[in-house]
């Protein structure tokens, strides 16, 4: 007897830091007859650098959530929590995302500031 899935909601089984890890877990669940799919905000894999800050979600039907969790746990495929060192005087809350000033973007930003200052001084 098949279940009516037209009204069943989806839920996130786990959130991974890379698409590869989520795909491995999805395939493991498929072998266990648990339907799941990968959801990531990385432009279809074209911008993998967006996977880590946003996470890659392993999603499936709400009714299969407990079975999926148990299967992933038994196979040691659940994502490990990220340990972050607590800052001195910190509140214990997760750190906010910050932008780096290194790399090409940092160099271009610094060059833009220098050019703007020169324009204002010489203009």
C-alpha atoms as a PDB file:
ATOM      1  CA  UNK A   1       0.000   0.000   0.000  1.00  0.00           C
ATOM      2  CA  UNK A   2       1.470   3.358  -0.995  1.00  0.00           C
ATOM      3  CA  UNK A   3       1.219   6.391   1.215  1.00  0.00           C
ATOM      4  CA  UNK A   4      -0.412   9.595   0.012  1.00  0.00           C
ATOM      5  CA  UNK A   5       2.523  12.011  -0.100  1.00  0.00           C
ATOM      6  CA  UNK A   6       0.651  14.891  -1.704  1.00  0.00           C
ATOM      7  CA  UNK A   7      -0.008  16.565   1.641  1.00  0.00           C
ATOM      8  CA  UNK A   8       3.109  15.458   3.516  1.00  0.00           C
ATOM      9  CA  UNK A   9       5.629  18.197   4.208  1.00  0.00           C
ATOM     10  CA  UNK A  10       9.351  18.049   3.671  1.00  0.00           C
ATOM     11  CA  UNK A  11      11.941  18.527   6.367  1.00  0.00           C
ATOM     12  CA  UNK A  12      15.692  18.950   6.552  1.00  0.00           C
ATOM     13  CA  UNK A  13      17.378  15.702   7.577  1.00  0.00           C
ATOM     14  CA  UNK A  14      20.850  17.239   7.960  1.00  0.00           C
ATOM     15  CA  UNK A  15      22.967  20.203   6.852  1.00  0.00           C
ATOM     16  CA  UNK A  16      26.432  19.487   5.442  1.00  0.00           C
ATOM     17  CA  UNK A  17      29.291  21.841   4.666  1.00  0.00           C
ATOM     18  CA  UNK A  18      29.867  20.435   1.154  1.00  0.00           C
ATOM     19  CA  UNK A  19      27.679  19.099  -1.638  1.00  0.00           C
ATOM     20  CA  UNK A  20      29.854  15.976  -1.845  1.00  0.00           C
ATOM     21  CA  UNK A  21      29.082  15.000   1.757  1.00  0.00           C
ATOM     22  CA  UNK A  22      25.362  15.599   1.220  1.00  0.00           C
ATOM     23  CA  UNK A  23      25.369  13.526  -1.985  1.00  0.00           C
ATOM     24  CA  UNK A  24      27.097  10.621  -0.202  1.00  0.00           C
ATOM     25  CA  UNK A  25      24.455  10.719   2.542  1.00  0.00           C
ATOM     26  CA  UNK A  26      21.651  10.943  -0.051  1.00  0.00           C
ATOM     27  CA  UNK A  27      22.940   7.874  -1.866  1.00  0.00           C
ATOM     28  CA  UNK A  28      23.214   5.971   1.411  1.00  0.00           C
ATOM     29  CA  UNK A  29      19.587   6.824   2.216  1.00  0.00           C
ATOM     30  CA  UNK A  30      18.533   5.785  -1.305  1.00  0.00           C
ATOM     31  CA  UNK A  31      20.092   2.365  -0.661  1.00  0.00           C
ATOM     32  CA  UNK A  32      18.009   2.224   2.548  1.00  0.00           C
ATOM     33  CA  UNK A  33      14.823   3.035   0.533  1.00  0.00           C
ATOM     34  CA  UNK A  34      14.536   6.522   2.028  1.00  0.00           C
ATOM     35  CA  UNK A  35      13.885   9.274  -0.508  1.00  0.00           C
ATOM     36  CA  UNK A  36      15.959  12.428  -0.117  1.00  0.00           C
ATOM     37  CA  UNK A  37      17.329  15.236  -2.245  1.00  0.00           C
ATOM     38  CA  UNK A  38      20.114  17.779  -1.940  1.00  0.00           C
ATOM     39  CA  UNK A  39      19.323  21.483  -1.725  1.00  0.00           C
ATOM     40  CA  UNK A  40      22.118  24.062  -1.942  1.00  0.00           C
ATOM     41  CA  UNK A  41      22.354  27.776  -2.665  1.00  0.00           C
ATOM     42  CA  UNK A  42      25.449  27.430  -4.871  1.00  0.00           C
ATOM     43  CA  UNK A  43      24.108  28.176  -8.360  1.00  0.00           C
ATOM     44  CA  UNK A  44      23.794  24.521  -9.268  1.00  0.00           C
ATOM     45  CA  UNK A  45      27.347  23.761  -8.160  1.00  0.00           C
ATOM     46  CA  UNK A  46      28.914  26.613 -10.150  1.00  0.00           C
ATOM     47  CA  UNK A  47      29.813  28.528  -6.966  1.00  0.00           C
ATOM     48  CA  UNK A  48      30.967  25.865  -4.497  1.00  0.00           C
ATOM     49  CA  UNK A  49      32.428  28.548  -2.230  1.00  0.00           C
ATOM     50  CA  UNK A  50      28.825  29.337  -1.214  1.00  0.00           C
ATOM     51  CA  UNK A  51      28.261  25.828   0.152  1.00  0.00           C
ATOM     52  CA  UNK A  52      30.201  26.293   3.377  1.00  0.00           C
ATOM     53  CA  UNK A  53      28.589  29.519   4.674  1.00  0.00           C
ATOM     54  CA  UNK A  54      25.051  28.541   3.653  1.00  0.00           C
ATOM     55  CA  UNK A  55      25.285  24.777   4.092  1.00  0.00           C
ATOM     56  CA  UNK A  56      24.017  22.035   1.838  1.00  0.00           C
ATOM     57  CA  UNK A  57      20.710  20.594   3.010  1.00  0.00           C
ATOM     58  CA  UNK A  58      19.666  16.975   2.783  1.00  0.00           C
ATOM     59  CA  UNK A  59      15.869  17.154   2.545  1.00  0.00           C
ATOM     60  CA  UNK A  60      13.145  14.519   2.547  1.00  0.00           C
ATOM     61  CA  UNK A  61       9.611  13.743   3.626  1.00  0.00           C
ATOM     62  CA  UNK A  62       8.747  14.515   7.249  1.00  0.00           C
ATOM     63  CA  UNK A  63       7.464  10.987   7.864  1.00  0.00           C
ATOM     64  CA  UNK A  64      10.887   9.537   7.054  1.00  0.00           C
ATOM     65  CA  UNK A  65      12.884  11.932   9.232  1.00  0.00           C
ATOM     66  CA  UNK A  66      13.376   9.562  12.175  1.00  0.00           C
ATOM     67  CA  UNK A  67      14.370   6.649   9.921  1.00  0.00           C
ATOM     68  CA  UNK A  68      16.768   8.891   7.995  1.00  0.00           C
ATOM     69  CA  UNK A  69      18.383  10.186  11.183  1.00  0.00           C
ATOM     70  CA  UNK A  70      18.840   6.681  12.549  1.00  0.00           C
ATOM     71  CA  UNK A  71      20.263   5.394   9.245  1.00  0.00           C
ATOM     72  CA  UNK A  72      22.701   8.295   8.922  1.00  0.00           C
ATOM     73  CA  UNK A  73      23.728   7.971  12.566  1.00  0.00           C
ATOM     74  CA  UNK A  74      24.347   4.220  12.225  1.00  0.00           C
ATOM     75  CA  UNK A  75      26.515   4.840   9.142  1.00  0.00           C
ATOM     76  CA  UNK A  76      28.347   7.736  10.859  1.00  0.00           C
ATOM     77  CA  UNK A  77      27.196  10.087   8.089  1.00  0.00           C
ATOM     78  CA  UNK A  78      25.659  12.806  10.249  1.00  0.00           C
ATOM     79  CA  UNK A  79      27.491  16.131   9.976  1.00  0.00           C
ATOM     80  CA  UNK A  80      29.704  16.958  12.929  1.00  0.00           C
ATOM     81  CA  UNK A  81      28.988  20.215  14.749  1.00  0.00           C
ATOM     82  CA  UNK A  82      31.547  22.924  14.148  1.00  0.00           C
ATOM     83  CA  UNK A  83      33.466  23.825  17.274  1.00  0.00           C
ATOM     84  CA  UNK A  84      34.306  27.491  17.451  1.00  0.00           C
ATOM     85  CA  UNK A  85      36.695  28.837  20.045  1.00  0.00           C
ATOM     86  CA  UNK A  86      34.961  31.226  22.362  1.00  0.00           C
ATOM     87  CA  UNK A  87      36.304  34.733  22.283  1.00  0.00           C
ATOM     88  CA  UNK A  88      37.422  36.295  25.563  1.00  0.00           C
ATOM     89  CA  UNK A  89      34.447  38.043  27.080  1.00  0.00           C
ATOM     90  CA  UNK A  90      32.198  36.421  24.476  1.00  0.00           C
ATOM     91  CA  UNK A  91      28.533  35.699  24.987  1.00  0.00           C
ATOM     92  CA  UNK A  92      28.807  32.096  23.861  1.00  0.00           C
ATOM     93  CA  UNK A  93      26.678  32.839  20.794  1.00  0.00           C
ATOM     94  CA  UNK A  94      27.878  31.868  17.305  1.00  0.00           C
ATOM     95  CA  UNK A  95      30.127  34.410  15.656  1.00  0.00           C
ATOM     96  CA  UNK A  96      28.619  36.482  12.874  1.00  0.00           C
ATOM     97  CA  UNK A  97      29.889  36.029   9.353  1.00  0.00           C
ATOM     98  CA  UNK A  98      32.484  38.607   8.433  1.00  0.00           C
ATOM     99  CA  UNK A  99      34.044  39.550   5.125  1.00  0.00           C
ATOM    100  CA  UNK A 100      37.734  39.055   4.568  1.00  0.00           C
ATOM    101  CA  UNK A 101      39.863  41.952   3.370  1.00  0.00           C
ATOM    102  CA  UNK A 102      42.455  39.639   1.842  1.00  0.00           C
ATOM    103  CA  UNK A 103      42.825  38.359  -1.676  1.00  0.00           C
ATOM    104  CA  UNK A 104      41.874  40.060  -4.907  1.00  0.00           C
ATOM    105  CA  UNK A 105      38.749  41.693  -3.477  1.00  0.00           C
ATOM    106  CA  UNK A 106      40.773  43.295  -0.684  1.00  0.00           C
ATOM    107  CA  UNK A 107      43.406  44.613  -3.083  1.00  0.00           C
ATOM    108  CA  UNK A 108      40.759  46.023  -5.440  1.00  0.00           C
ATOM    109  CA  UNK A 109      38.909  47.619  -2.534  1.00  0.00           C
ATOM    110  CA  UNK A 110      42.083  49.240  -1.225  1.00  0.00           C
ATOM    111  CA  UNK A 111      42.948  50.496  -4.726  1.00  0.00           C
ATOM    112  CA  UNK A 112      39.461  51.990  -5.067  1.00  0.00           C
ATOM    113  CA  UNK A 113      39.849  53.847  -1.760  1.00  0.00           C
ATOM    114  CA  UNK A 114      43.264  55.200  -2.774  1.00  0.00           C
ATOM    115  CA  UNK A 115      41.918  56.362  -6.151  1.00  0.00           C
ATOM    116  CA  UNK A 116      38.933  58.037  -4.488  1.00  0.00           C
ATOM    117  CA  UNK A 117      41.178  59.888  -2.035  1.00  0.00           C
ATOM    118  CA  UNK A 118      43.477  60.993  -4.875  1.00  0.00           C
ATOM    119  CA  UNK A 119      40.467  62.172  -6.906  1.00  0.00           C
ATOM    120  CA  UNK A 120      39.177  64.217  -3.994  1.00  0.00           C
ATOM    121  CA  UNK A 121      42.580  65.727  -3.252  1.00  0.00           C
ATOM    122  CA  UNK A 122      43.544  66.526  -6.845  1.00  0.00           C
ATOM    123  CA  UNK A 123      40.080  67.131  -8.277  1.00  0.00           C
END
